[in-house]
Amino acid sequence: MLITGRDEQMLVWLSVVRVADMDALRFALAAFSRAAEPVSLRRAQQWVARLRGVGLVDRARPALRDGSIVWATQQAIGKPAPKLLQQTTRHEVAVAAASARYLFHGWDWRRDRKATGLCDHQADGVAICGTEVRLVEVELTPKTLDRYNGICTSHAWRMANEGVTRVDYLCTDDAARTVSGEADKWIFRDDRARLVAHPAFDERGVWTDVPDAFWGRPVVDAPRELTTRLF
């Protein structure tokens, strides 16, 4: 079977986000094809079936979820299959949903660097578009309030010292209110507008939507490349 360049990009993306639902795959497949609309669910299912047939992806339908979760196999990316019963799986699927939409709107996506110390914070991902660099956080449930001081301090330091232009929080309604309130407390007013908390998920962790203006001006010719090649 011919493995296309888009297939390689999709597998590299799956190696970064680890797991994704079918809706996220619709947007990621469209992004790597530079399509104007997400592909249909049937096209996404056909892509999964084709690569599953040669052992490069696998899928499962965990209990309490409406649809399937897909991941790249160890044969494809050299990483073992994810443990779908972990408490973090819901969060990982939500991060993939966000990542796929950044790609679709013209952004590149990569994993954030590891935290360098107790006062540093690793975001869920980094979105890059031209000279813009956004830290992306997915918040499905509010953290304990005492954690936000250190996290906001880390965000502010990185905006001042690491070229981060904005911090995007994609949240449930409840989490967005909490993040906004804590940012009001801990981020200096000159930088406060550069941390945006927006409702994007329902209580189940399913993507709802954000306004088009949230994404900013896409760079149409930006190479949505994820650097590592698999073959």
Protein backbone atom coordinates (compact mmCIF):
# COMPACT_ATOMS: atom_id res chain seq x y z
CA MET A 1 0.00 0.00 0.00
CA LEU A 2 1.25 3.47 -0.91
CA ILE A 3 1.91 5.67 2.13
CA THR A 4 1.33 9.28 1.13
CA GLY A 5 2.93 12.40 2.49
CA ARG A 6 -0.33 13.21 4.23
CA ASP A 7 -0.30 9.77 5.86
CA GLU A 8 3.18 10.44 7.21
CA GLN A 9 2.14 13.83 8.56
CA MET A 10 -0.91 12.32 10.22
CA LEU A 11 1.17 9.62 11.90
CA VAL A 12 3.67 12.18 13.16
CA TRP A 13 0.78 14.26 14.50
CA LEU A 14 -0.64 11.20 16.25
CA SER A 15 2.79 10.56 17.76
CA VAL A 16 2.58 14.04 19.31
CA VAL A 17 -1.03 14.05 20.54
CA ARG A 18 -1.06 10.24 21.14
CA VAL A 19 -4.84 9.73 20.82
CA ALA A 20 -7.59 11.44 18.86
CA ASP A 21 -11.27 10.98 18.20
CA MET A 22 -12.79 10.79 14.74
CA ASP A 23 -13.89 14.42 14.78
CA ALA A 24 -10.32 15.60 15.38
CA LEU A 25 -9.13 13.35 12.54
CA ARG A 26 -11.59 15.09 10.19
CA PHE A 27 -9.90 18.45 10.85
CA ALA A 28 -6.33 17.14 10.85
CA LEU A 29 -6.80 15.29 7.55
CA ALA A 30 -8.20 18.46 6.00
CA ALA A 31 -5.33 20.54 7.39
CA PHE A 32 -2.63 18.34 5.86
CA SER A 33 -4.51 18.40 2.54
CA ARG A 34 -4.99 22.18 2.74
CA ALA A 35 -8.72 21.65 2.33
CA ALA A 36 -11.18 24.44 3.06
CA GLU A 37 -13.56 22.18 4.98
CA PRO A 38 -13.03 19.25 7.36
CA VAL A 39 -13.31 15.91 5.59
CA SER A 40 -16.45 13.88 6.10
CA LEU A 41 -16.70 11.33 8.88
CA ARG A 42 -16.83 8.62 6.24
CA ARG A 43 -13.55 9.82 4.68
CA ALA A 44 -11.91 9.84 8.10
CA GLN A 45 -13.16 6.33 8.79
CA GLN A 46 -11.82 5.17 5.42
CA TRP A 47 -8.41 6.64 6.26
CA VAL A 48 -8.35 4.80 9.57
CA ALA A 49 -9.44 1.54 7.93
CA ARG A 50 -6.73 1.84 5.26
CA LEU A 51 -3.89 2.44 7.71
CA ARG A 52 -5.26 -0.01 10.21
CA GLY A 53 -5.16 -2.64 7.48
CA VAL A 54 -1.36 -2.36 7.34
CA GLY A 55 -0.88 -2.04 11.08
CA LEU A 56 -0.03 1.67 11.28
CA VAL A 57 -3.01 2.81 13.35
CA ASP A 58 -5.45 1.14 15.70
CA ARG A 59 -8.73 2.12 17.24
CA ALA A 60 -11.02 1.29 20.14
CA ARG A 61 -14.31 2.47 21.56
CA PRO A 62 -13.90 2.87 25.31
CA ALA A 63 -16.92 2.75 27.57
CA LEU A 64 -18.66 6.07 28.26
CA ARG A 65 -17.59 7.55 24.91
CA ASP A 66 -19.81 8.19 21.91
CA GLY A 67 -17.21 7.23 19.31
CA SER A 68 -13.86 5.64 18.59
CA ILE A 69 -10.41 6.74 19.71
CA VAL A 70 -7.52 6.30 17.26
CA TRP A 71 -3.76 6.10 17.82
CA ALA A 72 -0.62 5.32 15.83
CA THR A 73 0.80 1.87 16.52
CA GLN A 74 4.26 0.96 17.77
CA GLN A 75 5.05 -0.26 14.26
CA ALA A 76 4.38 3.25 12.96
CA ILE A 77 5.94 5.50 15.59
CA GLY A 78 7.94 3.26 17.94
CA LYS A 79 5.72 4.02 20.94
CA PRO A 80 3.52 1.49 22.75
CA ALA A 81 -0.24 1.76 22.56
CA PRO A 82 -1.74 4.29 24.99
CA LYS A 83 -3.55 3.07 28.09
CA LEU A 84 -7.08 4.17 27.37
CA LEU A 85 -8.36 3.59 30.91
CA GLN A 86 -6.09 6.26 32.41
CA GLN A 87 -7.76 9.36 33.84
CA THR A 88 -5.69 11.48 31.45
CA THR A 89 -7.23 9.97 28.30
CA ARG A 90 -10.20 12.37 28.29
CA HIS A 91 -7.80 15.28 28.52
CA GLU A 92 -5.49 13.90 25.79
CA VAL A 93 -8.44 13.48 23.41
CA ALA A 94 -9.49 17.07 24.12
CA VAL A 95 -5.94 18.34 23.44
CA ALA A 96 -5.99 16.51 20.10
CA ALA A 97 -9.32 18.16 19.26
CA ALA A 98 -7.76 21.56 19.91
CA SER A 99 -4.55 20.71 18.05
CA ALA A 100 -6.43 19.56 14.94
CA ARG A 101 -8.32 22.83 14.78
CA TYR A 102 -5.19 24.93 15.12
CA LEU A 103 -3.73 22.98 12.20
CA PHE A 104 -6.91 23.47 10.20
CA HIS A 105 -6.80 27.24 10.78
CA GLY A 106 -3.24 27.55 9.49
CA TRP A 107 -1.15 27.06 12.62
CA ASP A 108 1.70 24.63 13.20
CA TRP A 109 1.54 22.53 16.36
CA ARG A 110 4.23 21.06 18.59
CA ARG A 111 4.59 19.73 22.09
CA ASP A 112 5.73 22.29 24.64
CA ARG A 113 9.18 22.00 26.17
CA LYS A 114 9.41 20.32 29.56
CA ALA A 115 9.18 22.43 32.69
CA THR A 116 12.61 23.53 33.84
CA GLY A 117 11.85 23.73 37.56
CA LEU A 118 9.20 23.92 40.25
CA CYS A 119 8.25 27.47 39.25
CA ASP A 120 7.94 26.62 35.54
CA HIS A 121 4.90 25.18 33.79
CA GLN A 122 4.61 22.98 30.68
CA ALA A 123 1.62 23.84 28.50
CA ASP A 124 -0.46 21.24 26.67
CA GLY A 125 0.89 22.42 23.33
CA VAL A 126 2.39 25.28 21.34
CA ALA A 127 0.72 26.77 18.26
CA ILE A 128 2.89 28.78 15.84
CA CYS A 129 1.76 30.97 12.95
CA GLY A 130 4.35 33.25 11.41
CA THR A 131 5.80 35.29 14.27
CA GLU A 132 2.97 34.40 16.65
CA VAL A 133 3.63 31.80 19.32
CA ARG A 134 0.77 30.70 21.55
CA LEU A 135 0.90 28.42 24.54
CA VAL A 136 -2.24 26.30 24.52
CA GLU A 137 -3.90 24.91 27.62
CA VAL A 138 -6.94 22.62 27.67
CA GLU A 139 -8.85 22.93 30.93
CA LEU A 140 -11.84 20.62 31.34
CA THR A 141 -12.09 21.03 35.11
CA PRO A 142 -10.73 23.91 37.21
CA LYS A 143 -7.51 23.26 39.09
CA THR A 144 -7.26 23.97 42.80
CA LEU A 145 -6.98 27.73 43.21
CA ASP A 146 -3.58 27.64 44.89
CA ARG A 147 -1.99 26.29 41.69
CA TYR A 148 -2.94 29.24 39.50
CA ASN A 149 -0.52 31.68 41.08
CA GLY A 150 2.53 29.68 39.95
CA ILE A 151 1.03 28.79 36.57
CA CYS A 152 0.10 32.40 35.77
CA THR A 153 3.52 33.59 36.94
CA SER A 154 5.14 31.08 34.56
CA HIS A 155 2.94 32.23 31.67
CA ALA A 156 3.79 35.87 32.33
CA TRP A 157 7.53 35.11 32.49
CA ARG A 158 7.42 33.24 29.20
CA MET A 159 5.50 36.07 27.53
CA ALA A 160 8.22 38.45 28.69
CA ASN A 161 11.26 36.23 28.01
CA GLU A 162 10.48 33.44 25.53
CA GLY A 163 8.64 35.19 22.73
CA VAL A 164 5.21 33.84 23.67
CA THR A 165 2.66 36.23 22.18
CA ARG A 166 -0.48 34.78 23.78
CA VAL A 167 -1.70 32.05 26.10
CA ASP A 168 -4.89 30.33 24.94
CA TYR A 169 -7.04 28.42 27.41
CA LEU A 170 -9.71 26.24 25.78
CA CYS A 171 -12.10 25.24 28.52
CA THR A 172 -15.50 24.20 29.71
CA ASP A 173 -17.68 27.09 30.84
CA ASP A 174 -16.86 26.53 34.51
CA ALA A 175 -13.13 26.23 33.92
CA ALA A 176 -13.07 29.34 31.70
CA ARG A 177 -14.63 31.41 34.48
CA THR A 178 -12.09 30.12 36.99
CA VAL A 179 -9.10 30.69 34.73
CA SER A 180 -10.24 34.23 33.88
CA GLY A 181 -10.77 35.09 37.53
CA GLU A 182 -7.37 33.76 38.59
CA ALA A 183 -5.62 35.49 35.68
CA ASP A 184 -7.18 38.76 36.85
CA LYS A 185 -5.47 38.20 40.20
CA TRP A 186 -2.04 37.00 39.13
CA ILE A 187 -1.18 38.53 35.74
CA PHE A 188 -0.08 42.16 35.56
CA ARG A 189 -2.63 44.34 33.81
CA ASP A 190 -0.32 45.16 30.88
CA ASP A 191 -0.16 41.45 29.98
CA ARG A 192 -3.62 40.36 31.10
CA ALA A 193 -5.21 40.71 27.65
CA ARG A 194 -2.67 38.22 26.28
CA LEU A 195 -4.16 35.36 28.27
CA VAL A 196 -7.47 34.32 26.72
CA ALA A 197 -9.82 31.79 28.30
CA HIS A 198 -12.60 30.67 25.99
CA PRO A 199 -15.33 28.03 26.40
CA ALA A 200 -14.67 25.37 23.74
CA PHE A 201 -15.78 22.08 25.35
CA ASP A 202 -18.97 20.83 26.95
CA GLU A 203 -19.06 18.98 30.27
CA ARG A 204 -18.22 15.67 28.57
CA GLY A 205 -15.05 17.11 27.05
CA VAL A 206 -16.57 17.25 23.55
CA TRP A 207 -15.54 20.19 21.36
CA THR A 208 -18.27 22.79 20.86
CA ASP A 209 -16.69 25.72 18.97
CA VAL A 210 -14.97 29.10 19.23
CA PRO A 211 -15.49 32.20 17.06
CA ASP A 212 -13.43 32.52 13.89
CA ALA A 213 -11.75 35.61 15.33
CA PHE A 214 -10.15 33.47 18.03
CA TRP A 215 -7.75 31.90 15.54
CA GLY A 216 -6.38 35.14 14.15
CA ARG A 217 -5.24 35.59 10.57
CA PRO A 218 -4.14 32.23 9.16
CA VAL A 219 -0.98 32.03 7.10
CA VAL A 220 -2.22 30.16 4.05
CA ASP A 221 1.23 29.13 2.86
CA ALA A 222 2.49 28.07 6.29
CA PRO A 223 4.03 24.57 6.03
CA ARG A 224 1.97 22.46 8.41
CA GLU A 225 4.92 20.18 8.90
CA LEU A 226 5.67 18.20 12.04
CA THR A 227 9.38 17.75 11.19
CA THR A 228 9.91 14.08 12.09
CA ARG A 229 9.59 11.64 9.20
CA LEU A 230 8.60 8.07 9.87
CA PHE A 231 9.62 6.30 6.68
